[in-house]
Amino acid sequence: MSSTPEGKWTAEHGKWAKRKFRFTRNDWMGYLFSAPLIVGVIVFAIYPMFAALFMSFHQTSGLNLSGTWVGLSNYQYALEDSLFWQALSNTFVMGIWSVLLGIALSFVLASLINNLKWHLGRNFFKAVYFLPNVVSGVATSLLFSFLFFPSKEGLINFVIGLFGLDPVGWFTNPEVARYSIVLMSLWGALGYNTIIFLAGLQSVPRDLYEAAEVDGAGTYRKWWYITIPYLRPIFVFMLIMGTIGGMKRFTDVWLIGGTAGNPGGSLMTVVLYIYRNAFLSSQMGLATAVSYLLFVIILILTVFLMLLNRRKDSLD
């Protein structure tokens, strides 16, 4: 046994290390309660990810994993397919408009509601704008199919007909259909975004507004120089989540345009392209390859937005 200070320290450190890695009863209980979640994540998240990656290098039939090894052929086929690029273009167009309009309109609405002096009126408008968020996508699509009916019998076409304008093929004209989908998605998502912005607006310190008023700042200048910079983390969060959601668009375009993304493929998105190849053409290998391409695109966009926000932080 060493009697030097270094030897005593080493011995004590060894005992401490043994105690550190000895599982106690509480440790086992913790692992026992965590086990169902860990098993669920492994079975339903991690395993499907690796199985899909493995399948993307195979020419498969149906859901059978054992197919013919084709290397990067599925990725090459997707990147040379004009329908994939059309789907990607449609996804970007609808995603960009949905994110920009959704964030801008919900922020303006939240600012207007937050400035209401009448408390009951504030709760009333919060409930009204959040109500579409609890309506299912199927019901929303049916509602807008009636509103955007392409003839004069449609409510919107009837209203614009009062001003002497011709009926618009909201869901039948390829040049208009994508923007009609954007309007429909805005109606459903506006309330959720508004509630998040309202929570952020109520967290802005009142001292900042009072100091700005002392300096002679008006409503617009307070909104521009205090409110918007203070809510920048919420803007970034909404931008990232909106981008991810926009790139995964499927339900509304499938309900309106079917599996062909009609009219004229203008509603074909990347996820709808994956669905067609996976469940209609039984090309699961190609579908999983496109899924990984979409994953890479979303990852690049998310990292770009986070780096942009970090650069802005460093400049501030």
Protein backbone atom coordinates (compact mmCIF):
# COMPACT_ATOMS: atom_id res chain seq x y z
CA MET A 1 0.00 0.00 0.00
CA SER A 2 1.47 3.37 -0.95
CA SER A 3 1.87 5.94 1.80
CA THR A 4 2.69 8.90 -0.47
CA PRO A 5 0.03 11.60 -1.14
CA GLU A 6 -0.05 10.61 -4.80
CA GLY A 7 -0.58 6.96 -3.88
CA LYS A 8 -3.43 7.83 -1.48
CA TRP A 9 -5.08 9.99 -4.14
CA THR A 10 -4.83 7.17 -6.71
CA ALA A 11 -6.37 4.68 -4.28
CA GLU A 12 -9.20 7.06 -3.37
CA HIS A 13 -9.79 7.83 -7.04
CA GLY A 14 -10.01 4.10 -7.81
CA LYS A 15 -12.59 3.57 -5.05
CA TRP A 16 -14.57 6.57 -6.26
CA ALA A 17 -14.50 5.27 -9.84
CA LYS A 18 -15.78 1.86 -8.69
CA ARG A 19 -18.61 3.50 -6.76
CA LYS A 20 -19.42 5.68 -9.77
CA PHE A 21 -19.95 2.75 -12.15
CA ARG A 22 -21.79 0.57 -9.61
CA PHE A 23 -25.48 0.45 -10.45
CA THR A 24 -27.71 1.21 -7.52
CA ARG A 25 -31.33 0.18 -7.08
CA ASN A 26 -32.46 3.64 -8.23
CA ASP A 27 -30.33 3.31 -11.37
CA TRP A 28 -31.99 0.01 -12.26
CA MET A 29 -35.44 1.47 -11.63
CA GLY A 30 -34.61 4.39 -13.88
CA TYR A 31 -33.47 2.13 -16.69
CA LEU A 32 -36.54 -0.07 -16.18
CA PHE A 33 -38.94 2.86 -16.61
CA SER A 34 -36.94 4.20 -19.58
CA ALA A 35 -36.74 0.83 -21.32
CA PRO A 36 -40.16 0.98 -23.10
CA LEU A 37 -39.32 4.37 -24.60
CA ILE A 38 -35.80 3.30 -25.60
CA VAL A 39 -37.13 0.10 -27.19
CA GLY A 40 -39.83 2.09 -28.99
CA VAL A 41 -37.31 4.55 -30.40
CA ILE A 42 -35.05 1.71 -31.56
CA VAL A 43 -37.87 -0.33 -33.13
CA PHE A 44 -39.99 2.46 -34.64
CA ALA A 45 -37.40 5.16 -35.45
CA ILE A 46 -33.79 3.96 -35.64
CA TYR A 47 -34.40 0.55 -37.22
CA PRO A 48 -36.72 1.93 -39.98
CA MET A 49 -34.14 4.60 -40.81
CA PHE A 50 -31.36 2.06 -41.36
CA ALA A 51 -33.73 -0.39 -43.08
CA ALA A 52 -34.83 2.38 -45.48
CA LEU A 53 -31.20 3.29 -46.19
CA PHE A 54 -30.43 -0.38 -46.88
CA MET A 55 -33.50 -0.68 -49.10
CA SER A 56 -32.58 2.44 -51.10
CA PHE A 57 -29.61 0.53 -52.60
CA HIS A 58 -31.80 -2.36 -53.75
CA GLN A 59 -34.28 -3.06 -56.50
CA THR A 60 -37.09 -4.39 -54.32
CA SER A 61 -40.53 -5.79 -54.86
CA GLY A 62 -43.15 -4.50 -52.43
CA LEU A 63 -42.04 -4.35 -48.79
CA ASN A 64 -39.56 -7.20 -49.20
CA LEU A 65 -36.11 -6.10 -47.98
CA SER A 66 -34.25 -8.80 -49.89
CA GLY A 67 -33.97 -7.32 -53.35
CA THR A 68 -31.27 -7.01 -55.95
CA TRP A 69 -28.32 -4.79 -55.09
CA VAL A 70 -28.27 -1.86 -57.54
CA GLY A 71 -25.97 0.54 -55.72
CA LEU A 72 -26.78 4.20 -56.43
CA SER A 73 -29.06 3.42 -59.38
CA ASN A 74 -32.22 4.44 -57.50
CA TYR A 75 -30.68 7.80 -56.61
CA GLN A 76 -29.46 8.27 -60.18
CA TYR A 77 -32.89 7.41 -61.58
CA ALA A 78 -34.61 9.93 -59.27
CA LEU A 79 -32.13 12.71 -60.10
CA GLU A 80 -32.64 12.11 -63.84
CA ASP A 81 -36.44 11.92 -63.57
CA SER A 82 -38.11 15.16 -64.71
CA LEU A 83 -41.14 14.38 -62.53
CA PHE A 84 -38.94 14.43 -59.43
CA TRP A 85 -37.62 17.89 -60.29
CA GLN A 86 -41.15 19.11 -61.03
CA ALA A 87 -42.25 17.77 -57.65
CA LEU A 88 -39.29 19.46 -55.95
CA SER A 89 -40.07 22.76 -57.70
CA ASN A 90 -43.73 22.60 -56.68
CA THR A 91 -42.72 21.77 -53.10
CA PHE A 92 -40.36 24.76 -52.94
CA VAL A 93 -42.90 27.19 -54.43
CA MET A 94 -45.73 26.17 -52.12
CA GLY A 95 -43.37 25.91 -49.13
CA ILE A 96 -41.80 29.34 -49.58
CA TRP A 97 -45.14 31.13 -50.01
CA SER A 98 -46.70 29.22 -47.10
CA VAL A 99 -43.83 30.03 -44.74
CA LEU A 100 -43.44 33.71 -45.67
CA LEU A 101 -47.15 34.53 -45.75
CA GLY A 102 -47.87 32.38 -42.71
CA ILE A 103 -45.23 34.06 -40.53
CA ALA A 104 -46.01 37.60 -41.71
CA LEU A 105 -49.80 37.35 -41.38
CA SER A 106 -49.75 35.51 -38.06
CA PHE A 107 -47.32 38.06 -36.59
CA VAL A 108 -49.49 40.98 -37.72
CA LEU A 109 -52.60 39.29 -36.35
CA ALA A 110 -50.89 38.51 -33.05
CA SER A 111 -49.76 42.15 -32.74
CA LEU A 112 -53.29 43.42 -33.38
CA ILE A 113 -54.83 40.99 -30.88
CA ASN A 114 -52.15 41.77 -28.28
CA ASN A 115 -52.92 45.48 -28.49
CA LEU A 116 -56.62 44.98 -27.75
CA LYS A 117 -57.56 46.55 -24.42
CA TRP A 118 -60.68 44.41 -24.03
CA HIS A 119 -59.60 41.12 -22.43
CA LEU A 120 -62.68 39.18 -23.56
CA GLY A 121 -62.22 40.46 -27.09
CA ARG A 122 -58.64 39.24 -27.05
CA ASN A 123 -59.74 35.73 -25.99
CA PHE A 124 -62.54 35.80 -28.58
CA PHE A 125 -60.15 36.47 -31.47
CA LYS A 126 -57.66 33.90 -30.19
CA ALA A 127 -60.42 31.27 -30.23
CA VAL A 128 -61.68 32.34 -33.66
CA TYR A 129 -58.27 32.19 -35.30
CA PHE A 130 -57.27 28.95 -33.57
CA LEU A 131 -60.52 27.16 -34.49
CA PRO A 132 -59.40 26.11 -38.03
CA ASN A 133 -56.38 24.40 -36.47
CA VAL A 134 -58.63 21.73 -34.90
CA VAL A 135 -60.44 21.02 -38.19
CA SER A 136 -59.15 17.94 -40.00
CA GLY A 137 -57.38 18.22 -43.32
CA VAL A 138 -60.17 16.29 -45.04
CA ALA A 139 -62.84 18.71 -43.81
CA THR A 140 -60.69 21.67 -44.80
CA SER A 141 -60.19 20.27 -48.31
CA LEU A 142 -63.93 19.68 -48.71
CA LEU A 143 -64.71 23.20 -47.50
CA PHE A 144 -62.27 24.81 -49.92
CA SER A 145 -63.46 22.59 -52.77
CA PHE A 146 -66.83 24.31 -52.41
CA LEU A 147 -65.36 27.77 -51.83
CA PHE A 148 -62.99 27.44 -54.81
CA PHE A 149 -65.45 25.72 -57.13
CA PRO A 150 -64.23 26.64 -60.64
CA SER A 151 -67.59 27.91 -61.99
CA LYS A 152 -69.81 30.80 -60.93
CA GLU A 153 -71.51 28.51 -58.40
CA GLY A 154 -68.38 28.69 -56.23
CA LEU A 155 -68.61 31.25 -53.43
CA ILE A 156 -65.32 33.01 -54.24
CA ASN A 157 -66.05 33.10 -57.97
CA PHE A 158 -69.54 34.41 -57.23
CA VAL A 159 -68.10 37.26 -55.17
CA ILE A 160 -65.48 38.25 -57.76
CA GLY A 161 -68.19 37.95 -60.43
CA LEU A 162 -69.99 40.84 -58.73
CA PHE A 163 -67.02 43.00 -59.79
CA GLY A 164 -67.26 41.83 -63.39
CA LEU A 165 -64.35 39.36 -63.21
CA ASP A 166 -64.36 35.96 -64.89
CA PRO A 167 -64.42 32.77 -62.76
CA VAL A 168 -61.00 31.46 -61.72
CA GLY A 169 -60.08 27.78 -61.88
CA TRP A 170 -58.68 27.75 -58.37
CA PHE A 171 -58.00 24.01 -58.31
CA THR A 172 -58.28 23.32 -62.06
CA ASN A 173 -55.85 25.85 -63.53
CA PRO A 174 -52.20 24.64 -63.21
CA GLU A 175 -50.99 28.24 -62.94
CA VAL A 176 -53.26 28.97 -59.97
CA ALA A 177 -53.67 25.62 -58.18
CA ARG A 178 -50.42 25.84 -56.18
CA TYR A 179 -51.32 29.25 -54.77
CA SER A 180 -54.83 28.06 -53.93
CA ILE A 181 -53.24 25.29 -51.87
CA VAL A 182 -51.13 27.95 -50.11
CA LEU A 183 -54.27 29.94 -49.24
CA MET A 184 -55.95 26.80 -47.94
CA SER A 185 -52.98 25.87 -45.78
CA LEU A 186 -52.76 29.43 -44.43
CA TRP A 187 -56.36 29.21 -43.24
CA GLY A 188 -55.54 26.06 -41.27
CA ALA A 189 -52.17 27.07 -39.81
CA LEU A 190 -52.68 30.76 -39.10
CA GLY A 191 -54.21 30.25 -35.65
CA TYR A 192 -51.40 28.05 -34.32
CA ASN A 193 -48.72 30.50 -35.42
CA THR A 194 -50.72 33.43 -34.02
CA ILE A 195 -50.95 31.80 -30.58
CA ILE A 196 -47.17 31.25 -30.49
CA PHE A 197 -46.49 34.87 -31.48
CA LEU A 198 -48.99 36.07 -28.86
CA ALA A 199 -47.10 34.19 -26.15
CA GLY A 200 -43.89 35.81 -27.35
CA LEU A 201 -45.40 39.31 -27.48
CA GLN A 202 -46.60 39.05 -23.89
CA SER A 203 -43.05 38.22 -22.77
CA VAL A 204 -41.54 41.47 -24.12
CA PRO A 205 -40.56 43.61 -21.08
CA ARG A 206 -42.78 46.68 -20.72
CA ASP A 207 -39.74 48.67 -19.53
CA LEU A 208 -38.37 48.69 -23.07
CA TYR A 209 -41.56 50.26 -24.45
CA GLU A 210 -41.67 52.82 -21.64
CA ALA A 211 -38.03 53.80 -22.23
CA ALA A 212 -38.72 54.13 -25.95
CA GLU A 213 -41.76 56.33 -25.26
CA VAL A 214 -39.58 58.60 -23.13
CA ASP A 215 -37.25 58.94 -26.11
CA GLY A 216 -40.19 59.88 -28.32
CA ALA A 217 -40.60 56.61 -30.23
CA GLY A 218 -43.98 56.04 -31.84
CA THR A 219 -45.93 52.80 -32.24
CA TYR A 220 -44.30 51.82 -35.51
CA ARG A 221 -40.75 52.45 -34.26
CA LYS A 222 -41.40 50.45 -31.06
CA TRP A 223 -42.79 47.60 -33.15
CA TRP A 224 -39.86 47.67 -35.54
CA TYR A 225 -36.94 48.25 -33.15
CA ILE A 226 -38.16 46.44 -30.00
CA THR A 227 -40.84 43.87 -30.75
CA ILE A 228 -39.38 42.28 -33.89
CA PRO A 229 -35.77 41.98 -32.60
CA TYR A 230 -36.98 40.61 -29.26
CA LEU A 231 -39.05 37.93 -31.02
CA ARG A 232 -36.26 36.87 -33.39
CA PRO A 233 -35.84 33.40 -31.75
CA ILE A 234 -39.55 32.78 -32.35
CA PHE A 235 -39.20 33.92 -35.98
CA VAL A 236 -36.30 31.50 -36.44
CA PHE A 237 -38.26 28.68 -34.81
CA MET A 238 -41.30 29.35 -37.02
CA LEU A 239 -39.07 29.58 -40.10
CA ILE A 240 -37.36 26.24 -39.41
CA MET A 241 -40.55 24.39 -38.46
CA GLY A 242 -42.43 25.93 -41.41
CA THR A 243 -39.66 24.92 -43.81
CA ILE A 244 -39.66 21.33 -42.53
CA GLY A 245 -43.46 21.17 -42.69
CA GLY A 246 -43.54 22.71 -46.17
CA MET A 247 -41.03 20.20 -47.53
CA LYS A 248 -43.20 17.35 -46.18
CA ARG A 249 -46.44 18.58 -47.75
CA PHE A 250 -48.71 15.69 -48.68
CA THR A 251 -52.24 15.55 -47.25
CA ASP A 252 -53.76 18.66 -48.82
CA VAL A 253 -52.28 18.14 -52.31
CA TRP A 254 -53.27 14.45 -52.25
CA LEU A 255 -56.86 15.28 -51.24
CA ILE A 256 -57.21 17.98 -53.90
CA GLY A 257 -55.05 16.71 -56.76
CA GLY A 258 -55.08 12.96 -56.19
CA THR A 259 -52.04 10.74 -56.73
CA ALA A 260 -51.30 12.42 -60.08
CA GLY A 261 -51.03 15.87 -58.47
CA ASN A 262 -53.58 17.33 -60.86
CA PRO A 263 -54.11 19.69 -62.55
CA GLY A 264 -51.23 18.96 -64.88
CA GLY A 265 -48.90 17.78 -62.12
CA SER A 266 -48.87 21.25 -60.54
CA LEU A 267 -49.72 19.75 -57.14
CA MET A 268 -47.13 16.97 -57.33
CA THR A 269 -44.83 17.28 -54.30
CA VAL A 270 -41.80 15.24 -53.29
CA VAL A 271 -43.71 13.28 -50.63
CA LEU A 272 -46.51 12.57 -53.12
CA TYR A 273 -43.84 11.38 -55.56
CA ILE A 274 -42.53 9.04 -52.84
CA TYR A 275 -46.06 7.79 -52.12
CA ARG A 276 -46.72 7.04 -55.80
CA ASN A 277 -43.54 5.02 -56.19
CA ALA A 278 -43.90 3.20 -52.88
CA PHE A 279 -47.56 2.21 -52.87
CA LEU A 280 -48.76 2.48 -56.47
CA SER A 281 -45.69 1.36 -58.42
CA SER A 282 -44.33 -0.92 -55.63
CA GLN A 283 -40.83 0.56 -56.16
CA MET A 284 -39.94 0.74 -52.49
CA GLY A 285 -36.22 1.01 -53.22
CA LEU A 286 -36.73 4.11 -55.37
CA ALA A 287 -39.16 5.59 -52.81
CA THR A 288 -36.68 5.18 -49.95
CA ALA A 289 -33.90 6.68 -52.08
CA VAL A 290 -36.03 9.78 -52.73
CA SER A 291 -36.88 9.86 -49.01
CA TYR A 292 -33.18 10.15 -48.21
CA LEU A 293 -32.73 12.83 -50.87
CA LEU A 294 -35.55 14.77 -49.21
CA PHE A 295 -33.93 14.22 -45.81
CA VAL A 296 -30.65 15.69 -47.08
CA ILE A 297 -32.43 18.71 -48.58
CA ILE A 298 -34.31 19.41 -45.33
CA LEU A 299 -31.09 18.97 -43.33
CA ILE A 300 -29.21 21.44 -45.55
CA LEU A 301 -32.01 24.02 -45.31
CA THR A 302 -32.23 23.65 -41.53
CA VAL A 303 -28.47 23.96 -41.01
CA PHE A 304 -28.39 26.99 -43.36
CA LEU A 305 -31.13 28.75 -41.37
CA MET A 306 -29.42 28.00 -38.06
CA LEU A 307 -26.06 29.25 -39.33
CA LEU A 308 -27.76 32.38 -40.66
CA ASN A 309 -29.26 33.02 -37.23
CA ARG A 310 -25.91 32.36 -35.50
CA ARG A 311 -24.16 34.81 -37.82
CA LYS A 312 -26.78 37.42 -37.01
CA ASP A 313 -26.16 36.78 -33.29
CA SER A 314 -22.41 37.31 -33.75
CA LEU A 315 -23.02 40.57 -35.65
CA ASP A 316 -25.28 41.79 -32.83
